Amino acid sequence: TDRSRTGGAALNAQAKRATAELGLAFLDLVFAQDGR
């Protein structure tokens, strides 16, 4: 969620960024057949 400290403040921010990036990479794979 948008909560900033649950799970640890540093990890929380890192995991959010990774999740957002993974979503984009997944969509590239699905719609562009591009796994790079």
Full PDB file with SEQRES, HELIX, SHEET, SSBOND, CRYST1, ORIGX, SCALE, CONECT and MASTER records, all heavy atoms in Angstrom:
SEQRES   1 A   36  THR ASP ARG SER ARG THR GLY GLY ALA ALA LEU ASN ALA          
SEQRES   2 A   36  GLN ALA LYS ARG ALA THR ALA GLU LEU GLY LEU ALA PHE          
SEQRES   3 A   36  LEU ASP LEU VAL PHE ALA GLN ASP GLY ARG                      
HELIX    1 AA1 ALA A    9  ALA A   32  1                                  24    
CRYST1    1.000    1.000    1.000  90.00  90.00  90.00 P 1           1          
ORIGX1      1.000000  0.000000  0.000000        0.00000                         
ORIGX2      0.000000  1.000000  0.000000        0.00000                         
ORIGX3      0.000000  0.000000  1.000000        0.00000                         
SCALE1      1.000000  0.000000  0.000000        0.00000                         
SCALE2      0.000000  1.000000  0.000000        0.00000                         
SCALE3      0.000000  0.000000  1.000000        0.00000                         
ATOM      1  N   THR A   1       0.849  -1.178   0.000  1.00  0.00           N  
ATOM      2  CA  THR A   1       0.000   0.000   0.000  1.00  0.00           C  
ATOM      3  C   THR A   1       0.894   1.239   0.000  1.00  0.00           C  
ATOM      4  O   THR A   1       2.121   1.142  -0.116  1.00  0.00           O  
ATOM      5  CB  THR A   1      -0.913   0.019   1.234  1.00  0.00           C  
ATOM      6  OG1 THR A   1      -0.124   0.275   2.411  1.00  0.00           O  
ATOM      7  CG2 THR A   1      -1.644  -1.311   1.405  1.00  0.00           C  
ATOM      8  N   ASP A   2       0.303   2.416   0.180  1.00  0.00           N  
ATOM      9  CA  ASP A   2       1.100   3.640   0.243  1.00  0.00           C  
ATOM     10  C   ASP A   2       1.728   3.876   1.611  1.00  0.00           C  
ATOM     11  O   ASP A   2       2.438   4.868   1.793  1.00  0.00           O  
ATOM     12  CB  ASP A   2       0.234   4.857  -0.117  1.00  0.00           C  
ATOM     13  CG  ASP A   2       0.158   5.092  -1.618  1.00  0.00           C  
ATOM     14  OD1 ASP A   2       0.904   4.443  -2.372  1.00  0.00           O  
ATOM     15  OD2 ASP A   2      -0.670   5.924  -2.047  1.00  0.00           O  
ATOM     16  N   ARG A   3       1.492   3.011   2.571  1.00  0.00           N  
ATOM     17  CA  ARG A   3       2.113   3.165   3.892  1.00  0.00           C  
ATOM     18  C   ARG A   3       3.625   3.089   3.743  1.00  0.00           C  
ATOM     19  O   ARG A   3       4.147   2.219   3.056  1.00  0.00           O  
ATOM     20  CB  ARG A   3       1.594   2.106   4.848  1.00  0.00           C  
ATOM     21  CG  ARG A   3       0.106   2.235   5.123  1.00  0.00           C  
ATOM     22  CD  ARG A   3      -0.384   1.120   6.026  1.00  0.00           C  
ATOM     23  NE  ARG A   3       0.192   1.210   7.358  1.00  0.00           N  
ATOM     24  CZ  ARG A   3       0.084   0.263   8.288  1.00  0.00           C  
ATOM     25  NH1 ARG A   3      -0.576  -0.865   8.004  1.00  0.00           N  
ATOM     26  NH2 ARG A   3       0.610   0.421   9.477  1.00  0.00           N  
ATOM     27  N   SER A   4       4.346   3.986   4.396  1.00  0.00           N  
ATOM     28  CA  SER A   4       5.767   4.170   4.096  1.00  0.00           C  
ATOM     29  C   SER A   4       6.728   3.412   5.001  1.00  0.00           C  
ATOM     30  O   SER A   4       7.910   3.304   4.680  1.00  0.00           O  
ATOM     31  CB  SER A   4       6.108   5.666   4.152  1.00  0.00           C  
ATOM     32  OG  SER A   4       5.866   6.189   5.456  1.00  0.00           O  
ATOM     33  N   ARG A   5       6.284   2.863   6.117  1.00  0.00           N  
ATOM     34  CA  ARG A   5       7.224   2.247   7.046  1.00  0.00           C  
ATOM     35  C   ARG A   5       6.934   0.780   7.347  1.00  0.00           C  
ATOM     36  O   ARG A   5       7.789   0.066   7.859  1.00  0.00           O  
ATOM     37  CB  ARG A   5       7.269   3.030   8.364  1.00  0.00           C  
ATOM     38  CG  ARG A   5       7.831   4.430   8.183  1.00  0.00           C  
ATOM     39  CD  ARG A   5       8.037   5.148   9.497  1.00  0.00           C  
ATOM     40  NE  ARG A   5       8.656   6.442   9.300  1.00  0.00           N  
ATOM     41  CZ  ARG A   5       9.961   6.632   9.178  1.00  0.00           C  
ATOM     42  NH1 ARG A   5      10.788   5.604   9.258  1.00  0.00           N  
ATOM     43  NH2 ARG A   5      10.443   7.844   8.987  1.00  0.00           N  
ATOM     44  N   THR A   6       5.759   0.315   7.049  1.00  0.00           N  
ATOM     45  CA  THR A   6       5.449  -1.075   7.355  1.00  0.00           C  
ATOM     46  C   THR A   6       6.375  -2.006   6.594  1.00  0.00           C  
ATOM     47  O   THR A   6       6.668  -1.801   5.424  1.00  0.00           O  
ATOM     48  CB  THR A   6       3.976  -1.387   7.023  1.00  0.00           C  
ATOM     49  OG1 THR A   6       3.703  -2.766   7.238  1.00  0.00           O  
ATOM     50  CG2 THR A   6       3.642  -1.058   5.574  1.00  0.00           C  
ATOM     51  N   GLY A   7       6.883  -3.008   7.291  1.00  0.00           N  
ATOM     52  CA  GLY A   7       7.855  -3.917   6.702  1.00  0.00           C  
ATOM     53  C   GLY A   7       9.278  -3.395   6.763  1.00  0.00           C  
ATOM     54  O   GLY A   7      10.202  -4.050   6.274  1.00  0.00           O  
ATOM     55  N   GLY A   8       9.464  -2.226   7.390  1.00  0.00           N  
ATOM     56  CA  GLY A   8      10.782  -1.603   7.452  1.00  0.00           C  
ATOM     57  C   GLY A   8      10.869  -0.455   6.470  1.00  0.00           C  
ATOM     58  O   GLY A   8      10.577  -0.630   5.278  1.00  0.00           O  
ATOM     59  N   ALA A   9      11.266   0.721   6.948  1.00  0.00           N  
ATOM     60  CA  ALA A   9      11.213   1.922   6.108  1.00  0.00           C  
ATOM     61  C   ALA A   9      12.046   1.778   4.842  1.00  0.00           C  
ATOM     62  O   ALA A   9      11.597   2.114   3.739  1.00  0.00           O  
ATOM     63  CB  ALA A   9      11.659   3.138   6.914  1.00  0.00           C  
ATOM     64  N   ALA A  10      13.285   1.300   4.970  1.00  0.00           N  
ATOM     65  CA  ALA A  10      14.154   1.181   3.799  1.00  0.00           C  
ATOM     66  C   ALA A  10      13.628   0.132   2.824  1.00  0.00           C  
ATOM     67  O   ALA A  10      13.524   0.369   1.622  1.00  0.00           O  
ATOM     68  CB  ALA A  10      15.575   0.848   4.232  1.00  0.00           C  
ATOM     69  N   LEU A  11      13.292  -1.024   3.363  1.00  0.00           N  
ATOM     70  CA  LEU A  11      12.786  -2.104   2.525  1.00  0.00           C  
ATOM     71  C   LEU A  11      11.479  -1.712   1.858  1.00  0.00           C  
ATOM     72  O   LEU A  11      11.233  -2.034   0.687  1.00  0.00           O  
ATOM     73  CB  LEU A  11      12.586  -3.361   3.373  1.00  0.00           C  
ATOM     74  CG  LEU A  11      11.907  -4.549   2.690  1.00  0.00           C  
ATOM     75  CD1 LEU A  11      12.712  -5.000   1.480  1.00  0.00           C  
ATOM     76  CD2 LEU A  11      11.740  -5.685   3.684  1.00  0.00           C  
ATOM     77  N   ASN A  12      10.639  -1.013   2.580  1.00  0.00           N  
ATOM     78  CA  ASN A  12       9.349  -0.594   2.056  1.00  0.00           C  
ATOM     79  C   ASN A  12       9.526   0.192   0.757  1.00  0.00           C  
ATOM     80  O   ASN A  12       8.887  -0.096  -0.260  1.00  0.00           O  
ATOM     81  CB  ASN A  12       8.632   0.251   3.111  1.00  0.00           C  
ATOM     82  CG  ASN A  12       7.258   0.719   2.700  1.00  0.00           C  
ATOM     83  OD1 ASN A  12       7.111   1.505   1.782  1.00  0.00           O  
ATOM     84  ND2 ASN A  12       6.250   0.237   3.415  1.00  0.00           N  
ATOM     85  N   ALA A  13      10.406   1.187   0.777  1.00  0.00           N  
ATOM     86  CA  ALA A  13      10.626   2.012  -0.409  1.00  0.00           C  
ATOM     87  C   ALA A  13      11.239   1.200  -1.539  1.00  0.00           C  
ATOM     88  O   ALA A  13      10.878   1.367  -2.712  1.00  0.00           O  
ATOM     89  CB  ALA A  13      11.526   3.194  -0.049  1.00  0.00           C  
ATOM     90  N   GLN A  14      12.162   0.310  -1.193  1.00  0.00           N  
ATOM     91  CA  GLN A  14      12.815  -0.510  -2.208  1.00  0.00           C  
ATOM     92  C   GLN A  14      11.817  -1.454  -2.874  1.00  0.00           C  
ATOM     93  O   GLN A  14      11.794  -1.603  -4.102  1.00  0.00           O  
ATOM     94  CB  GLN A  14      13.957  -1.298  -1.568  1.00  0.00           C  
ATOM     95  CG  GLN A  14      15.085  -0.423  -1.075  1.00  0.00           C  
ATOM     96  CD  GLN A  14      16.029  -1.158  -0.143  1.00  0.00           C  
ATOM     97  OE1 GLN A  14      15.782  -2.292   0.244  1.00  0.00           O  
ATOM     98  NE2 GLN A  14      17.124  -0.511   0.220  1.00  0.00           N  
ATOM     99  N   ALA A  15      10.980  -2.093  -2.075  1.00  0.00           N  
ATOM    100  CA  ALA A  15      10.018  -3.050  -2.611  1.00  0.00           C  
ATOM    101  C   ALA A  15       8.988  -2.360  -3.499  1.00  0.00           C  
ATOM    102  O   ALA A  15       8.549  -2.926  -4.506  1.00  0.00           O  
ATOM    103  CB  ALA A  15       9.322  -3.788  -1.462  1.00  0.00           C  
ATOM    104  N   LYS A  16       8.574  -1.163  -3.119  1.00  0.00           N  
ATOM    105  CA  LYS A  16       7.638  -0.420  -3.963  1.00  0.00           C  
ATOM    106  C   LYS A  16       8.251  -0.166  -5.335  1.00  0.00           C  
ATOM    107  O   LYS A  16       7.598  -0.365  -6.369  1.00  0.00           O  
ATOM    108  CB  LYS A  16       7.262   0.898  -3.289  1.00  0.00           C  
ATOM    109  CG  LYS A  16       6.233   0.771  -2.164  1.00  0.00           C  
ATOM    110  CD  LYS A  16       5.961   2.124  -1.539  1.00  0.00           C  
ATOM    111  CE  LYS A  16       4.726   2.112  -0.641  1.00  0.00           C  
ATOM    112  NZ  LYS A  16       4.813   1.167   0.477  1.00  0.00           N  
ATOM    113  N   ARG A  17       9.487   0.289  -5.369  1.00  0.00           N  
ATOM    114  CA  ARG A  17      10.131   0.564  -6.647  1.00  0.00           C  
ATOM    115  C   ARG A  17      10.256  -0.720  -7.468  1.00  0.00           C  
ATOM    116  O   ARG A  17       9.974  -0.736  -8.679  1.00  0.00           O  
ATOM    117  CB  ARG A  17      11.501   1.192  -6.427  1.00  0.00           C  
ATOM    118  CG  ARG A  17      12.269   1.460  -7.716  1.00  0.00           C  
ATOM    119  CD  ARG A  17      11.514   2.421  -8.639  1.00  0.00           C  
ATOM    120  NE  ARG A  17      12.216   2.589  -9.898  1.00  0.00           N  
ATOM    121  CZ  ARG A  17      13.152   3.500 -10.101  1.00  0.00           C  
ATOM    122  NH1 ARG A  17      13.495   4.336  -9.119  1.00  0.00           N  
ATOM    123  NH2 ARG A  17      13.735   3.603 -11.273  1.00  0.00           N  
ATOM    124  N   ALA A  18      10.661  -1.796  -6.836  1.00  0.00           N  
ATOM    125  CA  ALA A  18      10.819  -3.054  -7.557  1.00  0.00           C  
ATOM    126  C   ALA A  18       9.493  -3.560  -8.110  1.00  0.00           C  
ATOM    127  O   ALA A  18       9.418  -4.066  -9.232  1.00  0.00           O  
ATOM    128  CB  ALA A  18      11.440  -4.103  -6.638  1.00  0.00           C  
ATOM    129  N   THR A  19       8.430  -3.421  -7.324  1.00  0.00           N  
ATOM    130  CA  THR A  19       7.112  -3.869  -7.776  1.00  0.00           C  
ATOM    131  C   THR A  19       6.642  -3.069  -8.984  1.00  0.00           C  
ATOM    132  O   THR A  19       6.134  -3.637  -9.964  1.00  0.00           O  
ATOM    133  CB  THR A  19       6.098  -3.743  -6.630  1.00  0.00           C  
ATOM    134  OG1 THR A  19       6.516  -4.560  -5.534  1.00  0.00           O  
ATOM    135  CG2 THR A  19       4.706  -4.187  -7.069  1.00  0.00           C  
ATOM    136  N   ALA A  20       6.817  -1.758  -8.925  1.00  0.00           N  
ATOM    137  CA  ALA A  20       6.420  -0.922 -10.055  1.00  0.00           C  
ATOM    138  C   ALA A  20       7.220  -1.277 -11.302  1.00  0.00           C  
ATOM    139  O   ALA A  20       6.671  -1.376 -12.407  1.00  0.00           O  
ATOM    140  CB  ALA A  20       6.611   0.550  -9.695  1.00  0.00           C  
ATOM    141  N   GLU A  21       8.517  -1.492 -11.146  1.00  0.00           N  
ATOM    142  CA  GLU A  21       9.361  -1.850 -12.290  1.00  0.00           C  
ATOM    143  C   GLU A  21       8.991  -3.224 -12.842  1.00  0.00           C  
ATOM    144  O   GLU A  21       8.984  -3.430 -14.059  1.00  0.00           O  
ATOM    145  CB  GLU A  21      10.834  -1.833 -11.882  1.00  0.00           C  
ATOM    146  CG  GLU A  21      11.389  -0.450 -11.595  1.00  0.00           C  
ATOM    147  CD  GLU A  21      11.551   0.386 -12.854  1.00  0.00           C  
ATOM    148  OE1 GLU A  21      11.435  -0.176 -13.967  1.00  0.00           O  
ATOM    149  OE2 GLU A  21      11.790   1.602 -12.727  1.00  0.00           O  
ATOM    150  N   LEU A  22       8.692  -4.153 -11.968  1.00  0.00           N  
ATOM    151  CA  LEU A  22       8.326  -5.487 -12.429  1.00  0.00           C  
ATOM    152  C   LEU A  22       7.027  -5.444 -13.239  1.00  0.00           C  
ATOM    153  O   LEU A  22       6.884  -6.156 -14.239  1.00  0.00           O  
ATOM    154  CB  LEU A  22       8.179  -6.444 -11.242  1.00  0.00           C  
ATOM    155  CG  LEU A  22       7.781  -7.888 -11.579  1.00  0.00           C  
ATOM    156  CD1 LEU A  22       8.767  -8.521 -12.555  1.00  0.00           C  
ATOM    157  CD2 LEU A  22       7.670  -8.716 -10.302  1.00  0.00           C  
ATOM    158  N   GLY A  23       6.084  -4.626 -12.815  1.00  0.00           N  
ATOM    159  CA  GLY A  23       4.850  -4.500 -13.571  1.00  0.00           C  
ATOM    160  C   GLY A  23       5.106  -4.050 -14.997  1.00  0.00           C  
ATOM    161  O   GLY A  23       4.531  -4.592 -15.956  1.00  0.00           O  
ATOM    162  N   LEU A  24       5.988  -3.073 -15.171  1.00  0.00           N  
ATOM    163  CA  LEU A  24       6.305  -2.592 -16.517  1.00  0.00           C  
ATOM    164  C   LEU A  24       7.020  -3.661 -17.332  1.00  0.00           C  
ATOM    165  O   LEU A  24       6.728  -3.845 -18.527  1.00  0.00           O  
ATOM    166  CB  LEU A  24       7.166  -1.337 -16.422  1.00  0.00           C  
ATOM    167  CG  LEU A  24       6.508  -0.090 -15.828  1.00  0.00           C  
ATOM    168  CD1 LEU A  24       7.528   1.022 -15.683  1.00  0.00           C  
ATOM    169  CD2 LEU A  24       5.331   0.372 -16.678  1.00  0.00           C  
ATOM    170  N   ALA A  25       7.950  -4.357 -16.709  1.00  0.00           N  
ATOM    171  CA  ALA A  25       8.671  -5.411 -17.420  1.00  0.00           C  
ATOM    172  C   ALA A  25       7.728  -6.523 -17.856  1.00  0.00           C  
ATOM    173  O   ALA A  25       7.857  -7.085 -18.953  1.00  0.00           O  
ATOM    174  CB  ALA A  25       9.782  -5.970 -16.529  1.00  0.00           C  
ATOM    175  N   PHE A  26       6.771  -6.845 -16.998  1.00  0.00           N  
ATOM    176  CA  PHE A  26       5.781  -7.868 -17.325  1.00  0.00           C  
ATOM    177  C   PHE A  26       4.941  -7.440 -18.526  1.00  0.00           C  
ATOM    178  O   PHE A  26       4.668  -8.243 -19.436  1.00  0.00           O  
ATOM    179  CB  PHE A  26       4.904  -8.103 -16.093  1.00  0.00           C  
ATOM    180  CG  PHE A  26       3.736  -9.013 -16.313  1.00  0.00           C  
ATOM    181  CD1 PHE A  26       3.911 -10.358 -16.587  1.00  0.00           C  
ATOM    182  CD2 PHE A  26       2.436  -8.522 -16.219  1.00  0.00           C  
ATOM    183  CE1 PHE A  26       2.822 -11.207 -16.776  1.00  0.00           C  
ATOM    184  CE2 PHE A  26       1.342  -9.354 -16.403  1.00  0.00           C  
ATOM    185  CZ  PHE A  26       1.541 -10.707 -16.686  1.00  0.00           C  
ATOM    186  N   LEU A  27       4.536  -6.190 -18.555  1.00  0.00           N  
ATOM    187  CA  LEU A  27       3.722  -5.718 -19.671  1.00  0.00           C  
ATOM    188  C   LEU A  27       4.521  -5.705 -20.972  1.00  0.00           C  
ATOM    189  O   LEU A  27       3.972  -6.001 -22.045  1.00  0.00           O  
ATOM    190  CB  LEU A  27       3.161  -4.334 -19.371  1.00  0.00           C  
ATOM    191  CG  LEU A  27       2.215  -4.234 -18.172  1.00  0.00           C  
ATOM    192  CD1 LEU A  27       1.594  -2.845 -18.099  1.00  0.00           C  
ATOM    193  CD2 LEU A  27       1.141  -5.299 -18.218  1.00  0.00           C  
ATOM    194  N   ASP A  28       5.811  -5.379 -20.904  1.00  0.00           N  
ATOM    195  CA  ASP A  28       6.656  -5.482 -22.100  1.00  0.00           C  
ATOM    196  C   ASP A  28       6.669  -6.908 -22.625  1.00  0.00           C  
ATOM    197  O   ASP A  28       6.604  -7.148 -23.834  1.00  0.00           O  
ATOM    198  CB  ASP A  28       8.087  -5.059 -21.774  1.00  0.00           C  
ATOM    199  CG  ASP A  28       8.275  -3.557 -21.776  1.00  0.00           C  
ATOM    200  OD1 ASP A  28       7.339  -2.828 -22.159  1.00  0.00           O  
ATOM    201  OD2 ASP A  28       9.371  -3.100 -21.391  1.00  0.00           O  
ATOM    202  N   LEU A  29       6.768  -7.841 -21.707  1.00  0.00           N  
ATOM    203  CA  LEU A  29       6.819  -9.251 -22.087  1.00  0.00           C  
ATOM    204  C   LEU A  29       5.505  -9.708 -22.713  1.00  0.00           C  
ATOM    205  O   LEU A  29       5.485 -10.390 -23.736  1.00  0.00           O  
ATOM    206  CB  LEU A  29       7.150 -10.094 -20.853  1.00  0.00           C  
ATOM    207  CG  LEU A  29       7.299 -11.592 -21.047  1.00  0.00           C  
ATOM    208  CD1 LEU A  29       8.412 -11.902 -22.027  1.00  0.00           C  
ATOM    209  CD2 LEU A  29       7.569 -12.261 -19.714  1.00  0.00           C  
ATOM    210  N   VAL A  30       4.414  -9.304 -22.105  1.00  0.00           N  
ATOM    211  CA  VAL A  30       3.105  -9.758 -22.567  1.00  0.00           C  
ATOM    212  C   VAL A  30       2.726  -9.126 -23.900  1.00  0.00           C  
ATOM    213  O   VAL A  30       2.300  -9.818 -24.830  1.00  0.00           O  
ATOM    214  CB  VAL A  30       2.028  -9.446 -21.504  1.00  0.00           C  
ATOM    215  CG1 VAL A  30       0.627  -9.708 -22.058  1.00  0.00           C  
ATOM    216  CG2 VAL A  30       2.260 -10.270 -20.254  1.00  0.00           C  
ATOM    217  N   PHE A  31       2.890  -7.805 -24.001  1.00  0.00           N  
ATOM    218  CA  PHE A  31       2.336  -7.097 -25.151  1.00  0.00           C  
ATOM    219  C   PHE A  31       3.335  -6.850 -26.279  1.00  0.00           C  
ATOM    220  O   PHE A  31       2.924  -6.643 -27.419  1.00  0.00           O  
ATOM    221  CB  PHE A  31       1.733  -5.774 -24.703  1.00  0.00           C  
ATOM    222  CG  PHE A  31       0.546  -5.943 -23.801  1.00  0.00           C  
ATOM    223  CD1 PHE A  31       0.498  -5.327 -22.558  1.00  0.00           C  
ATOM    224  CD2 PHE A  31      -0.526  -6.725 -24.189  1.00  0.00           C  
ATOM    225  CE1 PHE A  31      -0.600  -5.476 -21.720  1.00  0.00           C  
ATOM    226  CE2 PHE A  31      -1.630  -6.894 -23.351  1.00  0.00           C  
ATOM    227  CZ  PHE A  31      -1.664  -6.267 -22.132  1.00  0.00           C  
ATOM    228  N   ALA A  32       4.623  -6.838 -25.960  1.00  0.00           N  
ATOM    229  CA  ALA A  32       5.632  -6.606 -26.993  1.00  0.00           C  
ATOM    230  C   ALA A  32       6.475  -7.838 -27.257  1.00  0.00           C  
ATOM    231  O   ALA A  32       7.371  -7.791 -28.091  1.00  0.00           O  
ATOM    232  CB  ALA A  32       6.525  -5.432 -26.599  1.00  0.00           C  
ATOM    233  N   GLN A  33       6.204  -8.935 -26.530  1.00  0.00           N  
ATOM    234  CA  GLN A  33       7.015 -10.142 -26.639  1.00  0.00           C  
ATOM    235  C   GLN A  33       8.494  -9.809 -26.476  1.00  0.00           C  
ATOM    236  O   GLN A  33       9.358 -10.339 -27.163  1.00  0.00           O  
ATOM    237  CB  GLN A  33       6.767 -10.863 -27.966  1.00  0.00           C  
ATOM    238  CG  GLN A  33       5.395 -11.488 -28.089  1.00  0.00           C  
ATOM    239  CD  GLN A  33       4.319 -10.479 -28.425  1.00  0.00           C  
ATOM    240  OE1 GLN A  33       4.473  -9.706 -29.365  1.00  0.00           O  
ATOM    241  NE2 GLN A  33       3.248 -10.474 -27.668  1.00  0.00           N  
ATOM    242  N   ASP A  34       8.774  -8.905 -25.543  1.00  0.00           N  
ATOM    243  CA  ASP A  34      10.120  -8.408 -25.307  1.00  0.00           C  
ATOM    244  C   ASP A  34      10.509  -8.690 -23.855  1.00  0.00           C  
ATOM    245  O   ASP A  34       9.960  -8.090 -22.930  1.00  0.00           O  
ATOM    246  CB  ASP A  34      10.168  -6.901 -25.593  1.00  0.00           C  
ATOM    247  CG  ASP A  34      11.574  -6.327 -25.531  1.00  0.00           C  
ATOM    248  OD1 ASP A  34      12.478  -7.016 -25.020  1.00  0.00           O  
ATOM    249  OD2 ASP A  34      11.761  -5.184 -25.991  1.00  0.00           O  
ATOM    250  N   GLY A  35      11.423  -9.625 -23.672  1.00  0.00           N  
ATOM    251  CA  GLY A  35      11.827 -10.008 -22.329  1.00  0.00           C  
ATOM    252  C   GLY A  35      13.041  -9.291 -21.810  1.00  0.00           C  
ATOM    253  O   GLY A  35      13.541  -9.609 -20.722  1.00  0.00           O  
ATOM    254  N   ARG A  36      13.540  -8.292 -22.537  1.00  0.00           N  
ATOM    255  CA  ARG A  36      14.766  -7.633 -22.103  1.00  0.00           C  
ATOM    256  C   ARG A  36      14.601  -6.888 -20.784  1.00  0.00           C  
ATOM    257  O   ARG A  36      15.498  -6.925 -19.929  1.00  0.00           O  
ATOM    258  CB  ARG A  36      15.252  -6.678 -23.199  1.00  0.00           C  
ATOM    259  CG  ARG A  36      15.767  -7.377 -24.448  1.00  0.00           C  
ATOM    260  CD  ARG A  36      16.104  -6.386 -25.540  1.00  0.00           C  
ATOM    261  NE  ARG A  36      14.903  -5.673 -25.991  1.00  0.00           N  
ATOM    262  CZ  ARG A  36      14.940  -4.703 -26.905  1.00  0.00           C  
ATOM    263  NH1 ARG A  36      16.093  -4.324 -27.428  1.00  0.00           N  
ATOM    264  NH2 ARG A  36      13.810  -4.106 -27.273  1.00  0.00           N  
TER     265      ARG A  36                                                      
MASTER        0    0    0    1    0    0    0    6  264    1    0    3          
END                                                                             
